[in-house]
Amino acid sequence: MDTTPVGKTRFGPTGRVLACVWSIVLSGCVLSAAAVDRHVVVISLDGVPASMFWEPRESVPTLRRLAKAGVAAEGMVPINPSFTWPNHATLMTGVGADRHGLLYNGALVRDDETGLASVRSQATREELVRGPLLFDAFHQAGLTTAAINWPGTLGAESIDDNFPDVPSGYDDMTPRLKRELIETGVIRDLGGNHFKTASAPARDEVWLEAACHVIRTRRPHLLMLHLLNTDGTNHRYGAGSYASQSALALADSHVARVLRAIEEAGIADRTTVFVLSDHGFGPTAKWIVSPNVWLHEAGWLDVSDQGEPLRGRAFVLGQGGNGGVFLTPSSAAAREEVRGVLRGKEGIADVLSAEDLAGLGWPRAGEHPGVPDLLVVPAEGYAIAYREGRAQAVVPVTPGINPGYHGHLVGGREMEAMFVAAGPDIRIGDTIGRVRNVDVAPTIARVMGITLPWAEGRALDVFVEPGEQPSLSR
């Protein structure tokens, strides 16, 4: 049985060649005279649609102040697949998933014995992300970096203070940072059990305090902070619901605390702040579809008495806005037969091939083993269940719960993320239309006089000449 995560260890010779190429590219970074007195703070409010930022009824006074002091985009287009970790990888690389290779919220694990697939979030940067990161470029330029709850950074050597987004909580944190958070009382449970079982707002509080501590004591040139409560709330209750509005208002207050820490550190006049999100949310789901039921009925998948998938030649790993179909073994005939089983069923809008996905920004199937054989696209008002093979293929959502999902194909405005930037080099009070998230990393790099030769994105047209306007502390 091979349960090796689909990551660096399974790329084989191709992966080793890519690693060498990226090493050469990084060593050849074109660095202008780095502005060592400049700082960048990036705050990702996970799962906040652009539409919520622009909704006048939302309570986001801090974000509105930042937008007035800088620029705000009408929307920021995420990449496919529109999950949290792939888009955070794009934000720190400047390339899409076809190049950075992070396709899930963790490492895809294939069980060759059972034919099932799952996602493991306890995975390292080397397992997850191909190529150099924005952190690597800063480190190469002799600048300091910090990442707090940023996905895909576990074990990244170019991050001076790292509190990675992994289930282990405190275990994989940079030792220096862990020691200081214990000394300051941010960490009260040394084993991390309280953190692992805490509510989403409580975990955000820990990450927020960690980021503010690093800003005050270390003044890093680059700090990237990822907060999650908005995403979890929008998943459970739907974007724009009363709970969603409350979560966004709380997140706005968190941004205010980061700005206060920047002021207390004495670097407000030299800091550019980006507040953004990774993705929006598809239409609220009213029905949950379990394609594995149909695969079981057609003889492709064995399930337990409770409906849990056990073993199969075909298995759907549902992720809300899409469902990847994995075949064991894979063949053209099997793909067409399984597509015939699933197409036309209730709640399924389409079943795409791996070739279709390559045209939507995914890697080519032969270049990345994490690409599914087929992708199930839900119809509006439906979501794809994670793995259930229950007797009923389509079930209504629990009354009173209006869940939202990511993973939907990028194209509709509902999946667009928010983007706000303000700082000494950013224009004041401008709306810049729709932007791409591949452009964020090059824009951050330009603040420090760094170029990213590997990036497919370009620095956004948001800058003014130095000295033409007052600082963020105005």
Foldseek 3Di string as FASTA:
>chain_A
DFFDFQFLVPLPPVSVVLQVVLVVQLLPFDFDQFPQLFAEEEEAEAAAALVQVPPVVFQQVLQVLLCQQFNWASFAFFAPQLDAQQLLQLLFALAHCQAQVAHDCATWTADLVFRDIDHANPDALRGGTGHDTLLSNCLSVVFAAEEQQRGSHQPPPSHPWYQHNHLQGRPRTDVVLSVVCVVVVLDDDNNCPCLNPDDLVNVQSSSLVSLLVCCQPPVGRYYYGYGYPLVVQCQWANCPDPSNSVSVNVVSVSVVSSLVSNVNSVSQQRYKYKYKYRWYWAFWAFKEFECLQLCVVVPFFDADPQQFTGHGQWFWQFFWQKTFIAGNVDDPVVLVVSQVSPPPDPFFPHKAALVVVVVRRHHRCVSGVVRGRIMTGTDHNYTYDRGGNDNDRMDTDDPPIGGIGGSHRTDDSRTTMIIGMHWQFFDRNYYDYYHYSSQNSQQSQVSRRTGNVVRPHHHDPGGDPGPPDGTSVD
